[in-house]
C-alpha cells in the first residue's frame, strides 16, 4: 500500500488531458487524402491512437508509397498546430482534478515535446506540470513498450509500484502493464466510442472512469 503523497501520477496527454485525438486523426486522414492515400478517419483512429507519429509513419510506409508520405508529413506538420489552436480544449474536469490532487504528477506522451508544450499551453494546463514532461522521442521504443513510462518514473525518482498511469488507449494501457505500474482507463474523451472502456479493461486497466472530476477520490481510494 502506497500513501497518496508518495504516489506519482503519470498522465498521458492526448485524450486524457486534452481532447485532441479526433482533431489530430481528422488532419491525418485529410492530409493522406490530399496525396492520394485513402485512409478513413475511423481507420486512423482505430489504428494509430496512442502511438507516436514515428510509429504511425513506419506503419504507413509499410503500406503505401514513401514519396507520397513525404508530402503527407509536410502537409500534416503545416496544418496540425493550426487545427489544434482553433479547436483544442482541455478534457472537462481535468483542471479541477489537477488543482485537487495532492500527489506528484507528470506527463508521458507519444507526442513530441514541442507538441506537448503547445497543447498544454493552449489549454492552460502547462502550469500544473512544470518541466515534468516526457516524450516518446526520448526513448528507443514508444508505447506499447514500457520505455517511456519507465523513463518518466526514473526521472521523477519513483519506483514502478509508486506510479499510477492515466491512459485512454490500448497501447498506453499495455505500456503501463509492461512497466509494472497500475493503470486507470479513462474513456471520457470525444474519440471514445461505445465499448472503448471494455477494450481498456481487456488490455489490463485496473479500473475505468469517464469523469475527470472523479480522479482525486479514485486516487485516494487506491492508497
Protein backbone atom coordinates (compact mmCIF):
# COMPACT_ATOMS: atom_id res chain seq x y z
CA UNK A 1 0.00 0.00 0.00
CA UNK A 2 1.47 3.34 -1.08
CA UNK A 3 0.38 6.55 0.64
CA UNK A 4 -1.10 9.32 -1.52
CA UNK A 5 1.82 11.72 -1.10
CA UNK A 6 4.25 9.07 -2.39
CA UNK A 7 2.19 8.23 -5.49
CA UNK A 8 3.37 9.56 -8.84
CA UNK A 9 0.51 10.07 -11.27
CA UNK A 10 1.70 9.75 -14.86
CA UNK A 11 -0.75 11.33 -17.28
CA UNK A 12 -0.94 10.62 -20.95
CA UNK A 13 -1.62 13.88 -22.79
CA UNK A 14 -3.73 13.38 -25.92
CA UNK A 15 -7.18 12.10 -24.99
CA UNK A 16 -6.52 12.36 -21.25
CA UNK A 17 -5.52 15.94 -20.52
CA UNK A 18 -6.58 17.47 -23.83
CA UNK A 19 -9.36 16.39 -26.18
CA UNK A 20 -7.12 16.24 -29.22
CA UNK A 21 -7.46 12.79 -30.74
CA UNK A 22 -10.34 13.47 -33.14
CA UNK A 23 -8.68 16.71 -34.28
CA UNK A 24 -5.34 15.03 -34.94
CA UNK A 25 -6.81 11.97 -36.65
CA UNK A 26 -9.00 14.15 -38.87
CA UNK A 27 -5.93 16.12 -40.03
CA UNK A 28 -4.05 12.86 -40.69
CA UNK A 29 -6.90 11.47 -42.80
CA UNK A 30 -7.33 14.74 -44.74
CA UNK A 31 -3.62 15.11 -45.45
CA UNK A 32 -3.35 11.49 -46.61
CA UNK A 33 -6.30 12.04 -48.95
CA UNK A 34 -4.55 15.12 -50.36
CA UNK A 35 -1.64 12.93 -51.54
CA UNK A 36 -3.88 10.19 -52.92
CA UNK A 37 -3.89 7.82 -49.95
CA UNK A 38 -7.37 6.83 -48.79
CA UNK A 39 -7.38 6.07 -45.06
CA UNK A 40 -10.67 6.92 -43.39
CA UNK A 41 -10.93 8.84 -40.13
CA UNK A 42 -12.32 5.71 -38.45
CA UNK A 43 -9.32 3.64 -39.59
CA UNK A 44 -6.83 6.29 -38.47
CA UNK A 45 -8.48 6.35 -35.04
CA UNK A 46 -8.58 2.56 -34.73
CA UNK A 47 -5.03 2.03 -35.92
CA UNK A 48 -2.99 4.96 -34.63
CA UNK A 49 -4.44 6.45 -31.45
CA UNK A 50 -1.95 6.02 -28.63
CA UNK A 51 1.19 5.54 -30.73
CA UNK A 52 3.82 8.05 -31.76
CA UNK A 53 3.86 9.86 -35.10
CA UNK A 54 7.08 7.99 -35.88
CA UNK A 55 5.35 4.64 -35.31
CA UNK A 56 2.39 5.71 -37.45
CA UNK A 57 4.72 6.78 -40.28
CA UNK A 58 6.58 3.46 -40.13
CA UNK A 59 3.29 1.61 -40.49
CA UNK A 60 2.13 3.85 -43.34
CA UNK A 61 5.44 3.34 -45.15
CA UNK A 62 4.91 -0.42 -44.99
CA UNK A 63 1.56 0.04 -46.75
CA UNK A 64 1.92 3.00 -49.11
CA UNK A 65 4.31 4.89 -51.41
CA UNK A 66 7.08 6.63 -49.47
CA UNK A 67 7.24 9.63 -51.84
CA UNK A 68 3.58 10.41 -51.19
CA UNK A 69 4.17 10.05 -47.45
CA UNK A 70 6.95 12.64 -47.51
CA UNK A 71 4.45 15.13 -48.89
CA UNK A 72 1.85 13.94 -46.36
CA UNK A 73 4.21 14.61 -43.45
CA UNK A 74 4.96 18.10 -44.74
CA UNK A 75 1.25 18.91 -45.06
CA UNK A 76 0.43 17.43 -41.66
CA UNK A 77 3.08 19.50 -39.88
CA UNK A 78 1.78 22.64 -41.59
CA UNK A 79 -1.83 22.05 -40.58
CA UNK A 80 -1.94 20.31 -37.21
CA UNK A 81 -0.99 23.26 -34.98
CA UNK A 82 -3.47 25.49 -36.80
CA UNK A 83 -6.24 22.96 -36.20
CA UNK A 84 -5.30 22.49 -32.54
CA UNK A 85 -5.07 26.23 -31.93
CA UNK A 86 -8.57 26.63 -33.36
CA UNK A 87 -10.37 23.62 -31.83
CA UNK A 88 -8.43 22.19 -28.88
CA UNK A 89 -10.00 22.09 -25.41
CA UNK A 90 -8.94 20.57 -22.12
CA UNK A 91 -10.79 17.43 -21.08
CA UNK A 92 -13.76 18.52 -18.99
CA UNK A 93 -12.96 18.44 -15.27
CA UNK A 94 -9.24 17.85 -15.66
CA UNK A 95 -8.13 21.26 -14.40
CA UNK A 96 -10.26 20.89 -11.26
CA UNK A 97 -8.77 17.43 -10.73
CA UNK A 98 -5.23 18.80 -11.09
CA UNK A 99 -5.99 21.55 -8.57
CA UNK A 100 -7.30 18.96 -6.09
CA UNK A 101 -4.70 16.21 -6.40
CA UNK A 102 -2.01 16.17 -3.73
CA UNK A 103 0.18 13.52 -5.40
CA UNK A 104 3.09 14.38 -7.66
CA UNK A 105 2.25 14.44 -11.37
CA UNK A 106 3.98 14.30 -14.72
CA UNK A 107 3.14 13.76 -18.38
CA UNK A 108 4.36 10.87 -20.56
CA UNK A 109 3.10 11.26 -24.12
CA UNK A 110 3.63 9.72 -27.54
CA UNK A 111 3.74 13.27 -28.95
CA UNK A 112 6.99 15.21 -29.23
CA UNK A 113 7.90 17.70 -26.53
CA UNK A 114 7.03 20.74 -28.62
CA UNK A 115 3.54 19.38 -29.28
CA UNK A 116 3.02 18.56 -25.58
CA UNK A 117 4.01 22.10 -24.56
CA UNK A 118 1.83 23.62 -27.29
CA UNK A 119 -1.24 21.63 -26.26
CA UNK A 120 -0.84 22.22 -22.54
CA UNK A 121 -0.11 25.91 -23.06
CA UNK A 122 -3.12 26.33 -25.36
CA UNK A 123 -5.43 24.79 -22.76
CA UNK A 124 -3.86 26.46 -19.70
CA UNK A 125 -2.66 23.19 -18.16
CA UNK A 126 1.11 23.54 -18.51
CA UNK A 127 1.49 25.26 -15.11
CA UNK A 128 0.40 22.09 -13.32
CA UNK A 129 3.37 20.08 -14.59
CA UNK A 130 6.33 22.48 -14.56
CA UNK A 131 9.05 20.81 -16.63
CA UNK A 132 7.90 17.26 -15.83
CA UNK A 133 7.11 16.39 -19.44
CA UNK A 134 8.37 13.21 -21.12
CA UNK A 135 8.07 12.33 -24.81
CA UNK A 136 8.36 9.15 -26.86
CA UNK A 137 11.13 10.92 -28.78
CA UNK A 138 13.33 10.38 -25.69
CA UNK A 139 13.24 6.57 -25.88
CA UNK A 140 14.04 3.84 -28.39
CA UNK A 141 10.54 2.40 -28.38
CA UNK A 142 7.28 4.21 -27.72
CA UNK A 143 4.05 2.76 -26.35
CA UNK A 144 3.08 -0.11 -26.10
CA UNK A 145 6.69 -0.68 -24.97
CA UNK A 146 7.27 0.37 -21.33
CA UNK A 147 10.35 2.52 -22.08
CA UNK A 148 8.68 5.95 -21.85
CA UNK A 149 6.88 5.25 -18.59
CA UNK A 150 9.99 3.78 -17.01
CA UNK A 151 11.95 6.86 -18.08
CA UNK A 152 9.33 9.16 -16.53
CA UNK A 153 9.38 7.20 -13.28
CA UNK A 154 13.20 7.23 -13.12
CA UNK A 155 13.37 10.99 -13.80
CA UNK A 156 10.76 11.57 -11.08
CA UNK A 157 12.60 9.26 -8.63
CA UNK A 158 9.63 6.90 -8.33
CA UNK A 159 9.53 3.12 -8.42
CA UNK A 160 7.01 1.42 -10.75
CA UNK A 161 4.86 0.36 -7.80
CA UNK A 162 4.53 4.01 -6.74
CA UNK A 163 3.17 5.01 -10.15
CA UNK A 164 -0.43 5.29 -11.28
CA UNK A 165 -0.80 5.83 -15.01
CA UNK A 166 -3.85 7.52 -16.56
CA UNK A 167 -4.39 6.28 -20.11
CA UNK A 168 -7.09 6.29 -22.76
CA UNK A 169 -5.52 3.99 -25.37
CA UNK A 170 -4.76 0.30 -25.63
CA UNK A 171 -1.05 0.91 -26.42
CA UNK A 172 -0.83 3.12 -23.33
CA UNK A 173 -2.53 0.55 -21.10
CA UNK A 174 -0.20 -2.18 -22.37
CA UNK A 175 2.85 0.05 -21.79
CA UNK A 176 1.86 0.64 -18.17
CA UNK A 177 1.26 -3.04 -17.55
CA UNK A 178 4.63 -3.92 -19.10
CA UNK A 179 6.24 -1.33 -16.81
CA UNK A 180 4.70 -2.96 -13.73
CA UNK A 181 2.55 0.09 -12.96
CA UNK A 182 -1.09 0.40 -12.00
CA UNK A 183 -3.10 1.95 -14.80
CA UNK A 184 -6.53 3.56 -14.86
CA UNK A 185 -8.52 3.58 -18.08
CA UNK A 186 -10.08 6.93 -18.93
CA UNK A 187 -12.85 6.74 -21.53
CA UNK A 188 -14.36 10.22 -21.43
CA UNK A 189 -12.71 11.79 -24.49
CA UNK A 190 -14.70 12.61 -27.61
CA UNK A 191 -12.86 9.85 -29.52
CA UNK A 192 -14.08 7.09 -27.20
CA UNK A 193 -16.74 5.04 -28.92
CA UNK A 194 -19.17 2.63 -27.18
CA UNK A 195 -17.27 -0.35 -25.80
CA UNK A 196 -13.96 1.53 -25.54
CA UNK A 197 -13.86 1.08 -21.77
CA UNK A 198 -14.26 -2.68 -22.08
CA UNK A 199 -11.33 -2.75 -24.51
CA UNK A 200 -9.18 -0.90 -21.95
CA UNK A 201 -10.09 -3.44 -19.26
CA UNK A 202 -9.17 -6.31 -21.59
CA UNK A 203 -5.82 -4.61 -22.25
CA UNK A 204 -5.10 -4.53 -18.50
CA UNK A 205 -6.65 -1.40 -16.96
CA UNK A 206 -7.20 -1.75 -13.22
CA UNK A 207 -10.47 0.19 -13.38
CA UNK A 208 -12.33 2.63 -15.61
CA UNK A 209 -13.56 6.17 -15.16
CA UNK A 210 -15.29 8.58 -17.51
CA UNK A 211 -15.40 11.80 -15.47
CA UNK A 212 -12.16 13.59 -14.56
CA UNK A 213 -13.86 15.17 -11.55
CA UNK A 214 -13.75 11.66 -10.02
CA UNK A 215 -9.98 11.20 -10.30
CA UNK A 216 -8.91 12.63 -6.90
CA UNK A 217 -11.26 10.33 -4.99
CA UNK A 218 -10.16 7.35 -7.10
CA UNK A 219 -6.52 8.05 -6.29
CA UNK A 220 -7.34 8.43 -2.58
CA UNK A 221 -9.07 5.05 -2.59
CA UNK A 222 -6.05 3.41 -4.25
CA UNK A 223 -3.65 4.45 -1.49
